[in-house]
Amino acid sequence: MTCDSVSGGQGGGTSRTPSIVDRLRVPSHRRIPFSVEFSPPRDADAEARLWRAVREFERLGPAFVSMTYGAGGSTRDRTVRVTGQLAEETTLLPVAHLTAVGHSIDELRAMVGAYADRGISNILALRGDPPGDPLGEWTRHPQGVEHAEELVRLVRELGDFHVGVASFPEGHYRSPDLDHDTRYLVQKLRAGAEYSITQMFFDVEHYLRLRDRVAACDAEQALKPIIPEIMPITSLRSARRSLELSGSRLPAELEERLVRAAGDGPEENRAAVREVGIEVATEMCERLIAEGAPGLHFITLNFARATREVLARLGIEVPTPIVQPA
């Protein structure tokens, strides 16, 4: 497959809600737009924590928020419900994740319809990870789709939806090489995706090289925003687990810094690890801003504090946090 061999059309029309691209272009006194990622809660306590974070971020004014979707559709009902609540009960602009794994085309159509019924027209189309082992073998549903490109086309054909996709600065772990991975991203963009959000990374050079590869492959598609995803590390153990599940990795120098901060006691020194993580995230964001990134997308793990601290260090005005009752 070559860049020139990939083709795709555009569909849809004017959406009922703002698009992510429009939100990124809204003039602001801030240095750069930012957005955040939530995860569907697993129980009542986790849901309460999520909504505390939601209310904190509502005051911070992100360009948009996204709600993830469990492997194999494991959180489908919660994802739809909570994303709908974000659309109906807050001032936030939600982006709903939609994955192809484990779903027939009819089920995917029903999911898109459920989002539309809640007034949600921004969708992040992902092939998704297999249940059980995210790095395991991916199997297409017998009545489903094989690739995210097909999912993009399906959503665009169903109505006035704005669609984004994932991009991978270090290359998707299933791709044989970076060129193949870049061509596939371009294929998704040509199918009608309006932007991409990267997988988390910890070396800004990987993001810049991805942007350059897309420009070399298709200058027109390179005009679409590639939004970098940032995870402020607050626990070395949690960071390693997230990286293991994503197929990404820490640069050796950063891992050494975090290991030193964690110490050699039975429990890691979370405060020291957190300070390194916030510092590194801030440095990355400063470089990304200088290099013209269209926005910053933060993984929050349903907590507001780390993102708030990075924003404050970037000189982005943030209101005083809400004091929760004891």
Foldseek 3Di string as FASTA:
>chain_A
DALVVFAADAFADAAPDDELVVLLPPDDPFLAAEEEEEEQDDDDVSVVLLVLLVVQVLQLDHSAYEYDADALRPCVVSQLVVQLCCLVPGPHQYEYEDEFANDALVRSLVSLVSCVVSRHQHYEQYNGAHPPARPDDGDGDPRTDDGSLVVLLSSRVNHRHAYEYEAELQAQPPDPDDLRRLSVNSSSVNNHHQEYEYDADQDVVSVVVSLVSNCVSPVVSSVRAYEYEYEQDQAPVVVVVVCNRRVYDDDPVLVVQLDVQLDDDPGGPRVSNNVSSLVSRLVSVVVCSVVPHSYYYYHANSHNVSVVSSCVVNVRDRDDRDDDDD
